């Protein structure tokens, strides 16, 4: 594996999912940029080739390397990046002079007819580390790393996020596993969850649900487990649940 995102990045996940971009240790006005930050590819044909622009906003040169990685998200939302040979990238390393940009051409060479959407990351990282002297006698090492989203999207791909299971998860807690049984990722917006037990139906508190699910990116074929407070007035016992949502 190339990398594992630490739990401290969980707060950034919604922005990363929607925009597809993470900037690590970025300094305003002193960073390069990658445009676009998210891109759909077709599995074959002209749409299998896309162009990204790397722009240097600094007043000094910057060296940037470009790499691709497979995107793997476990049931608890932890993301890891795996090695992949499914793309060609040119160039893989560039030196940008101040206030200039350079095109990076990326081509999909993987499965020309996948059954479902495939998710990857494009990683642009400053290398080697630049040393900046912020105050006399003190040196600070800074680096900027962009992680953008790439999706290989087959024709007629559709998302279908449903509740796979629901039930008690310890004292006064409800565990719900949702699954994207479709062929396209879904970034959940304004989710609503109703649960039924013992003939009683309750709607889960919207604030509690949004805190763990709103803005989450559920990849095609992936599952996500969430734990919520047990809804007041819902009898103990077997539970059925239904999820409603919009997709960004």
Protein backbone atom coordinates (compact mmCIF):
# COMPACT_ATOMS: atom_id res chain seq x y z
CA UNK A 1 0.00 0.00 0.00
CA UNK A 2 1.18 3.50 -0.80
CA UNK A 3 -0.54 5.31 2.04
CA UNK A 4 -3.17 5.18 4.78
CA UNK A 5 -5.15 8.26 5.79
CA UNK A 6 -5.03 8.94 9.53
CA UNK A 7 -8.24 9.40 11.50
CA UNK A 8 -7.37 13.08 11.89
CA UNK A 9 -8.31 13.56 8.23
CA UNK A 10 -11.88 12.40 8.81
CA UNK A 11 -13.07 15.99 9.18
CA UNK A 12 -11.72 16.71 5.69
CA UNK A 13 -13.43 13.74 4.07
CA UNK A 14 -16.58 15.51 3.03
CA UNK A 15 -14.65 18.20 1.17
CA UNK A 16 -12.34 15.59 -0.30
CA UNK A 17 -15.24 13.47 -1.46
CA UNK A 18 -17.16 16.30 -3.03
CA UNK A 19 -14.19 18.09 -4.55
CA UNK A 20 -11.78 15.20 -4.72
CA UNK A 21 -8.88 17.17 -3.28
CA UNK A 22 -6.71 17.10 -0.21
CA UNK A 23 -3.93 19.61 0.32
CA UNK A 24 -1.51 18.68 3.09
CA UNK A 25 0.50 21.43 4.82
CA UNK A 26 -0.50 23.95 2.19
CA UNK A 27 0.46 27.58 2.71
CA UNK A 28 -1.87 30.19 1.15
CA UNK A 29 -0.16 31.95 -1.73
CA UNK A 30 2.77 29.55 -1.62
CA UNK A 31 1.38 26.37 -3.21
CA UNK A 32 1.04 24.76 -6.60
CA UNK A 33 -2.42 23.72 -7.81
CA UNK A 34 -3.82 20.84 -9.85
CA UNK A 35 -6.79 21.47 -12.15
CA UNK A 36 -9.27 19.80 -12.30
CA UNK A 37 -9.42 18.24 -8.86
CA UNK A 38 -11.79 15.49 -9.95
CA UNK A 39 -12.18 13.91 -13.38
CA UNK A 40 -14.27 11.22 -15.03
CA UNK A 41 -12.68 8.94 -17.61
CA UNK A 42 -14.38 6.71 -20.13
CA UNK A 43 -13.06 3.13 -20.18
CA UNK A 44 -12.17 3.36 -23.88
CA UNK A 45 -12.07 5.79 -26.77
CA UNK A 46 -11.25 9.48 -26.64
CA UNK A 47 -12.62 9.84 -23.12
CA UNK A 48 -9.93 7.49 -21.80
CA UNK A 49 -7.42 10.35 -22.14
CA UNK A 50 -7.58 13.46 -19.97
CA UNK A 51 -5.35 16.47 -19.32
CA UNK A 52 -4.57 18.04 -15.94
CA UNK A 53 -2.90 21.40 -15.42
CA UNK A 54 -0.29 21.84 -12.69
CA UNK A 55 0.06 25.52 -11.85
CA UNK A 56 2.81 27.15 -9.79
CA UNK A 57 1.54 30.19 -7.92
CA UNK A 58 4.83 30.75 -6.12
CA UNK A 59 7.54 33.27 -6.80
CA UNK A 60 10.12 30.49 -7.06
CA UNK A 61 10.46 27.19 -8.95
CA UNK A 62 8.79 24.05 -7.67
CA UNK A 63 9.36 20.38 -8.52
CA UNK A 64 6.25 18.20 -8.63
CA UNK A 65 5.91 14.44 -9.13
CA UNK A 66 2.71 12.82 -10.39
CA UNK A 67 1.54 9.32 -9.44
CA UNK A 68 -1.64 7.27 -9.69
CA UNK A 69 -3.12 4.99 -7.02
CA UNK A 70 -6.07 2.67 -6.62
CA UNK A 71 -8.62 3.91 -4.10
CA UNK A 72 -9.74 1.43 -1.46
CA UNK A 73 -12.24 2.36 1.27
CA UNK A 74 -13.14 -0.09 4.04
CA UNK A 75 -16.49 -0.50 5.79
CA UNK A 76 -15.56 2.11 8.41
CA UNK A 77 -14.59 4.73 5.83
CA UNK A 78 -10.81 4.37 6.16
CA UNK A 79 -9.09 4.91 2.84
CA UNK A 80 -5.91 3.28 1.62
CA UNK A 81 -4.10 3.78 -1.66
CA UNK A 82 -2.84 0.80 -3.64
CA UNK A 83 -0.35 0.58 -6.46
CA UNK A 84 -1.73 0.48 -9.99
CA UNK A 85 -0.46 0.05 -13.55
CA UNK A 86 -3.79 1.03 -15.09
CA UNK A 87 -2.63 4.45 -16.33
CA UNK A 88 0.12 6.07 -18.31
CA UNK A 89 1.18 9.54 -17.14
CA UNK A 90 3.33 12.08 -18.97
CA UNK A 91 5.31 13.70 -17.57
CA UNK A 92 5.63 12.10 -14.15
CA UNK A 93 7.96 14.81 -12.86
CA UNK A 94 7.97 18.48 -13.75
CA UNK A 95 9.90 21.58 -12.75
CA UNK A 96 7.67 24.62 -12.84
CA UNK A 97 9.15 28.07 -13.02
CA UNK A 98 7.43 30.84 -11.03
CA UNK A 99 3.90 31.71 -12.18
CA UNK A 100 3.83 29.04 -14.89
CA UNK A 101 1.80 25.90 -15.59
CA UNK A 102 2.32 22.58 -17.33
CA UNK A 103 -0.09 20.05 -18.83
CA UNK A 104 0.01 16.47 -17.54
CA UNK A 105 -1.56 13.87 -19.83
CA UNK A 106 -3.15 10.84 -18.19
CA UNK A 107 -4.49 7.84 -20.11
CA UNK A 108 -6.49 4.89 -18.83
CA UNK A 109 -5.06 1.58 -20.10
CA UNK A 110 -6.96 -0.75 -17.78
CA UNK A 111 -10.14 -2.76 -18.37
CA UNK A 112 -11.90 -1.28 -21.42
CA UNK A 113 -15.30 -2.58 -20.28
CA UNK A 114 -15.60 -2.64 -16.46
CA UNK A 115 -18.91 -3.82 -15.03
CA UNK A 116 -18.96 -0.94 -12.52
CA UNK A 117 -17.23 2.37 -11.93
CA UNK A 118 -13.62 2.18 -10.72
CA UNK A 119 -12.12 4.73 -8.33
CA UNK A 120 -8.53 6.01 -8.31
CA UNK A 121 -6.45 8.91 -7.01
CA UNK A 122 -4.09 11.24 -8.82
CA UNK A 123 -1.35 12.37 -6.44
CA UNK A 124 0.75 15.47 -7.09
CA UNK A 125 3.49 16.03 -4.54
CA UNK A 126 6.21 18.57 -4.15
CA UNK A 127 9.61 16.89 -4.08
CA UNK A 128 12.12 17.24 -2.65
CA UNK A 129 11.02 19.16 0.44
CA UNK A 130 11.57 22.89 0.19
CA UNK A 131 13.12 24.61 3.17
CA UNK A 132 11.70 28.04 4.00
CA UNK A 133 13.18 30.38 6.62
CA UNK A 134 10.16 31.94 8.34
CA UNK A 135 12.04 33.83 11.08
CA UNK A 136 15.72 34.51 11.74
CA UNK A 137 17.36 31.41 13.12
CA UNK A 138 14.34 29.16 12.51
CA UNK A 139 13.80 26.91 9.50
CA UNK A 140 10.49 25.26 8.60
CA UNK A 141 10.16 22.39 6.16
CA UNK A 142 6.93 22.53 4.17
CA UNK A 143 5.47 20.26 1.57
CA UNK A 144 2.30 20.35 -0.49
CA UNK A 145 0.46 17.22 -1.58
CA UNK A 146 -2.69 17.18 -3.68
CA UNK A 147 -4.83 14.07 -3.92
CA UNK A 148 -7.51 14.27 -6.60
CA UNK A 149 -10.29 11.88 -7.55
CA UNK A 150 -10.46 9.91 -10.78
CA UNK A 151 -13.38 7.69 -11.78
CA UNK A 152 -13.52 5.25 -14.67
CA UNK A 153 -17.20 5.44 -15.55
CA UNK A 154 -18.90 2.84 -17.77
CA UNK A 155 -21.99 3.81 -19.75
CA UNK A 156 -25.33 3.77 -17.96
CA UNK A 157 -23.70 3.60 -14.51
CA UNK A 158 -26.15 4.34 -11.68
CA UNK A 159 -25.85 4.52 -7.89
CA UNK A 160 -28.17 2.59 -5.56
CA UNK A 161 -27.40 3.06 -1.87
CA UNK A 162 -29.54 0.94 0.44
CA UNK A 163 -29.54 -0.38 4.00
CA UNK A 164 -27.85 -3.79 4.02
CA UNK A 165 -28.43 -4.45 7.74
CA UNK A 166 -29.45 -2.73 10.96
CA UNK A 167 -29.54 -3.76 14.59
CA UNK A 168 -28.46 -3.09 18.18
CA UNK A 169 -24.78 -2.27 18.75
CA UNK A 170 -24.32 -2.14 22.48
CA UNK A 171 -26.25 -0.14 25.07
CA UNK A 172 -28.55 2.45 23.48
CA UNK A 173 -26.80 2.26 20.10
CA UNK A 174 -27.94 1.36 16.60
CA UNK A 175 -25.56 -0.05 14.00
CA UNK A 176 -26.48 0.43 10.36
CA UNK A 177 -24.59 -0.93 7.36
CA UNK A 178 -25.36 0.75 4.05
CA UNK A 179 -24.30 -0.61 0.70
CA UNK A 180 -23.99 0.90 -2.75
CA UNK A 181 -25.40 -1.89 -4.91
CA UNK A 182 -25.19 0.30 -7.97
CA UNK A 183 -22.38 0.84 -10.47
CA UNK A 184 -21.66 4.52 -9.73
CA UNK A 185 -20.36 6.27 -6.60
CA UNK A 186 -22.75 8.44 -4.60
CA UNK A 187 -21.88 11.43 -2.41
CA UNK A 188 -24.79 11.44 0.02
CA UNK A 189 -26.65 14.69 0.57
CA UNK A 190 -29.41 15.26 3.15
CA UNK A 191 -29.79 11.57 4.10
CA UNK A 192 -32.86 10.44 6.01
CA UNK A 193 -33.12 7.15 7.88
CA UNK A 194 -36.29 5.52 9.21
CA UNK A 195 -36.14 2.43 11.42
CA UNK A 196 -38.85 0.00 12.48
CA UNK A 197 -38.88 -2.39 15.44
CA UNK A 198 -41.79 -4.05 17.24
CA UNK A 199 -44.26 -2.40 14.90
CA UNK A 200 -42.98 1.09 15.78
CA UNK A 201 -41.34 3.32 13.13
CA UNK A 202 -39.03 6.20 14.03
CA UNK A 203 -36.98 8.67 12.03
CA UNK A 204 -33.37 8.89 13.17
CA UNK A 205 -32.33 12.30 14.48
CA UNK A 206 -31.17 14.31 11.45
CA UNK A 207 -28.29 15.99 13.25
CA UNK A 208 -26.88 12.68 14.49
CA UNK A 209 -27.25 11.10 11.05
CA UNK A 210 -25.69 14.05 9.20
CA UNK A 211 -22.70 13.99 11.52
CA UNK A 212 -21.70 10.52 10.31
CA UNK A 213 -23.21 10.23 6.84
CA UNK A 214 -23.91 13.54 5.13
CA UNK A 215 -21.32 14.19 2.43
CA UNK A 216 -19.90 10.67 2.61
CA UNK A 217 -18.75 9.16 -0.68
CA UNK A 218 -19.99 5.59 -1.07
CA UNK A 219 -18.09 3.97 -3.92
CA UNK A 220 -19.74 1.50 -6.27
CA UNK A 221 -20.00 -1.90 -4.59
CA UNK A 222 -18.80 -0.55 -1.24
CA UNK A 223 -20.34 -0.82 2.24
CA UNK A 224 -20.24 1.72 5.07
CA UNK A 225 -20.95 1.05 8.75
CA UNK A 226 -22.29 3.78 11.01
CA UNK A 227 -23.29 3.79 14.69
CA UNK A 228 -26.08 6.04 15.95
CA UNK A 229 -27.93 6.64 19.21
CA UNK A 230 -30.87 4.30 19.61
CA UNK A 231 -33.98 6.30 18.59
CA UNK A 232 -36.09 7.26 21.62
CA UNK A 233 -39.28 5.23 21.82
CA UNK A 234 -38.07 2.47 19.51
CA UNK A 235 -38.57 -0.95 21.11
CA UNK A 236 -35.59 -3.25 21.54
CA UNK A 237 -35.31 -6.17 19.16
CA UNK A 238 -34.86 -6.86 15.45
CA UNK A 239 -34.73 -3.73 13.29
CA UNK A 240 -35.48 -2.93 9.68
CA UNK A 241 -34.39 0.36 8.17
CA UNK A 242 -34.83 2.46 5.05
CA UNK A 243 -32.49 5.15 3.70
CA UNK A 244 -33.51 8.11 1.56
CA UNK A 245 -30.94 10.52 0.11
CA UNK A 246 -29.98 12.85 -2.66
CA UNK A 247 -26.65 12.48 -4.46
CA UNK A 248 -24.26 15.33 -5.15
